[in-house]
Amino acid sequence: MEAELMALAASGASTLITLMVSDAWAQTKTRLAAVLGRTGDEKETLRELEASRAVLVSALAEADDATVAAVEDEWRARLSQLLLSDSGCVEGLQLLAAAPGDTVHNNITGRVQANLLIQTGRVERSTFHTLPDQTV
């Protein structure tokens, strides 16, 4: 069982690091703080997460792989300790390891206009072309 917990801690730390530098961070950080702060102060955990994120973003900008690995190792150790001391947090960490946001579900309602739907996560530069009117 301990090997499974250590694997979950490693997966959770990797997912946490990925979330910290993704667009999903703003949406997930408070939920993560609730899971990770179960044995202490949730607000303090959120501050620690934000501090780690700041270090991580800076390290990535400087291509400092050692610091990135150190941040991940720190959270892996913390998650391992949390799992060993509080078995009730296993489900929360399994949800963390599942990388929230991997699945998108859309419901489209209302009147259809032009039979066109564009779904995207980010649009930076877009050019739309239309064919010239072909009236004869």
Protein backbone atom coordinates (compact mmCIF):
# COMPACT_ATOMS: atom_id res chain seq x y z
CA MET A 1 0.00 0.00 0.00
CA GLU A 2 2.85 2.41 0.76
CA ALA A 3 4.22 1.99 -2.78
CA GLU A 4 0.81 2.98 -4.16
CA LEU A 5 0.76 6.07 -1.95
CA MET A 6 4.24 7.06 -3.09
CA ALA A 7 3.20 6.61 -6.74
CA LEU A 8 0.13 8.76 -6.08
CA ALA A 9 2.31 11.42 -4.44
CA ALA A 10 4.67 11.44 -7.44
CA SER A 11 1.79 11.66 -9.91
CA GLY A 12 0.11 14.35 -7.81
CA ALA A 13 3.30 16.44 -7.62
CA SER A 14 3.81 16.19 -11.37
CA THR A 15 0.21 17.21 -12.02
CA LEU A 16 0.49 20.04 -9.51
CA ILE A 17 3.56 21.44 -11.25
CA THR A 18 1.79 21.20 -14.62
CA LEU A 19 -1.27 22.99 -13.24
CA MET A 20 0.84 25.76 -11.73
CA VAL A 21 2.02 26.87 -15.16
CA SER A 22 -1.22 26.30 -17.04
CA ASP A 23 -4.29 28.40 -17.72
CA ALA A 24 -6.19 26.11 -15.33
CA TRP A 25 -4.24 27.41 -12.31
CA ALA A 26 -6.64 30.26 -11.52
CA GLN A 27 -9.58 27.84 -11.54
CA THR A 28 -7.96 25.04 -9.52
CA LYS A 29 -5.68 26.65 -6.94
CA THR A 30 -8.32 27.12 -4.22
CA ARG A 31 -9.59 23.57 -4.63
CA LEU A 32 -6.03 22.29 -4.45
CA ALA A 33 -5.39 24.33 -1.32
CA ALA A 34 -8.47 22.75 0.26
CA VAL A 35 -7.19 19.24 -0.51
CA LEU A 36 -3.60 19.94 0.47
CA GLY A 37 -4.46 22.02 3.51
CA ARG A 38 -6.60 19.40 5.19
CA THR A 39 -4.26 19.08 8.16
CA GLY A 40 -3.55 22.78 8.54
CA ASP A 41 -4.49 26.25 7.44
CA GLU A 42 -5.95 26.33 3.93
CA LYS A 43 -4.99 29.99 3.44
CA GLU A 44 -1.38 29.26 4.38
CA THR A 45 -1.35 26.34 1.94
CA LEU A 46 -2.62 28.66 -0.80
CA ARG A 47 0.20 31.10 -0.01
CA GLU A 48 2.73 28.25 -0.21
CA LEU A 49 1.29 27.11 -3.54
CA GLU A 50 1.52 30.65 -4.94
CA ALA A 51 5.11 31.01 -3.67
CA SER A 52 6.06 27.72 -5.33
CA ARG A 53 4.37 28.84 -8.52
CA ALA A 54 6.34 32.09 -8.54
CA VAL A 55 9.62 30.16 -8.13
CA LEU A 56 8.53 27.71 -10.83
CA VAL A 57 7.57 30.39 -13.35
CA SER A 58 10.86 32.17 -12.79
CA ALA A 59 12.83 28.94 -13.13
CA LEU A 60 11.06 28.04 -16.36
CA ALA A 61 11.75 31.51 -17.77
CA GLU A 62 15.45 31.02 -17.00
CA ALA A 63 15.48 27.38 -18.19
CA ASP A 64 16.59 26.36 -14.69
CA ASP A 65 15.69 22.66 -14.74
CA ALA A 66 17.28 22.03 -11.33
CA THR A 67 14.95 24.51 -9.62
CA VAL A 68 11.93 23.10 -11.46
CA ALA A 69 12.89 19.61 -10.25
CA ALA A 70 13.44 20.93 -6.71
CA VAL A 71 9.95 22.46 -6.60
CA GLU A 72 8.44 19.20 -7.81
CA ASP A 73 10.51 17.19 -5.30
CA GLU A 74 9.36 19.48 -2.49
CA TRP A 75 5.70 18.90 -3.34
CA ARG A 76 6.25 15.16 -3.85
CA ALA A 77 7.69 14.94 -0.33
CA ARG A 78 4.88 17.02 1.10
CA LEU A 79 2.23 14.92 -0.64
CA SER A 80 3.91 11.72 0.55
CA GLN A 81 3.88 12.97 4.13
CA LEU A 82 0.25 14.05 3.81
CA LEU A 83 -0.81 10.68 2.42
CA LEU A 84 0.97 8.77 5.16
CA SER A 85 -0.48 10.92 7.93
CA ASP A 86 -4.02 11.38 6.58
CA SER A 87 -5.45 8.50 4.59
CA GLY A 88 -8.65 10.51 4.07
CA CYS A 89 -6.93 12.76 1.54
CA VAL A 90 -6.27 9.91 -0.92
CA GLU A 91 -9.45 10.61 -2.89
CA GLY A 92 -8.67 14.31 -3.16
CA LEU A 93 -5.17 13.59 -4.43
CA GLN A 94 -6.49 11.05 -6.91
CA LEU A 95 -8.67 13.82 -8.33
CA LEU A 96 -5.59 16.07 -8.46
CA ALA A 97 -3.64 13.38 -10.32
CA ALA A 98 -6.53 13.09 -12.80
CA ALA A 99 -5.66 16.62 -14.01
CA PRO A 100 -8.91 18.54 -13.77
CA GLY A 101 -9.87 20.17 -16.99
CA ASP A 102 -8.93 17.24 -19.24
CA THR A 103 -12.54 16.76 -20.25
CA VAL A 104 -14.74 19.38 -21.85
CA HIS A 105 -18.49 19.05 -22.00
CA ASN A 106 -20.54 21.63 -23.86
CA ASN A 107 -24.27 22.03 -24.16
CA ILE A 108 -25.38 24.15 -27.06
CA THR A 109 -28.91 25.47 -26.89
CA GLY A 110 -30.91 28.05 -28.68
CA ARG A 111 -31.42 28.85 -32.30
CA VAL A 112 -28.85 27.70 -34.84
CA GLN A 113 -27.47 30.47 -36.99
CA ALA A 114 -25.25 29.78 -39.99
CA ASN A 115 -24.51 26.20 -38.87
CA LEU A 116 -21.10 27.24 -37.57
CA LEU A 117 -19.57 26.41 -34.22
CA ILE A 118 -16.03 27.28 -33.24
CA GLN A 119 -14.66 25.86 -30.02
CA THR A 120 -11.24 26.84 -28.79
CA GLY A 121 -9.20 27.28 -25.67
CA ARG A 122 -7.14 30.16 -26.98
CA VAL A 123 -7.29 32.24 -30.13
CA GLU A 124 -4.33 34.47 -30.80
CA ARG A 125 -4.37 35.34 -34.49
CA SER A 126 -7.33 34.49 -36.64
CA THR A 127 -8.13 35.23 -40.23
CA PHE A 128 -11.46 34.29 -41.70
CA HIS A 129 -11.90 34.16 -45.45
CA THR A 130 -15.13 33.97 -47.33
CA LEU A 131 -15.65 33.09 -50.92
CA PRO A 132 -16.76 35.93 -53.18
CA ASP A 133 -20.42 35.96 -54.10
CA GLN A 134 -20.78 33.69 -57.16
CA THR A 135 -23.97 35.14 -58.63
CA VAL A 136 -24.29 34.52 -62.36
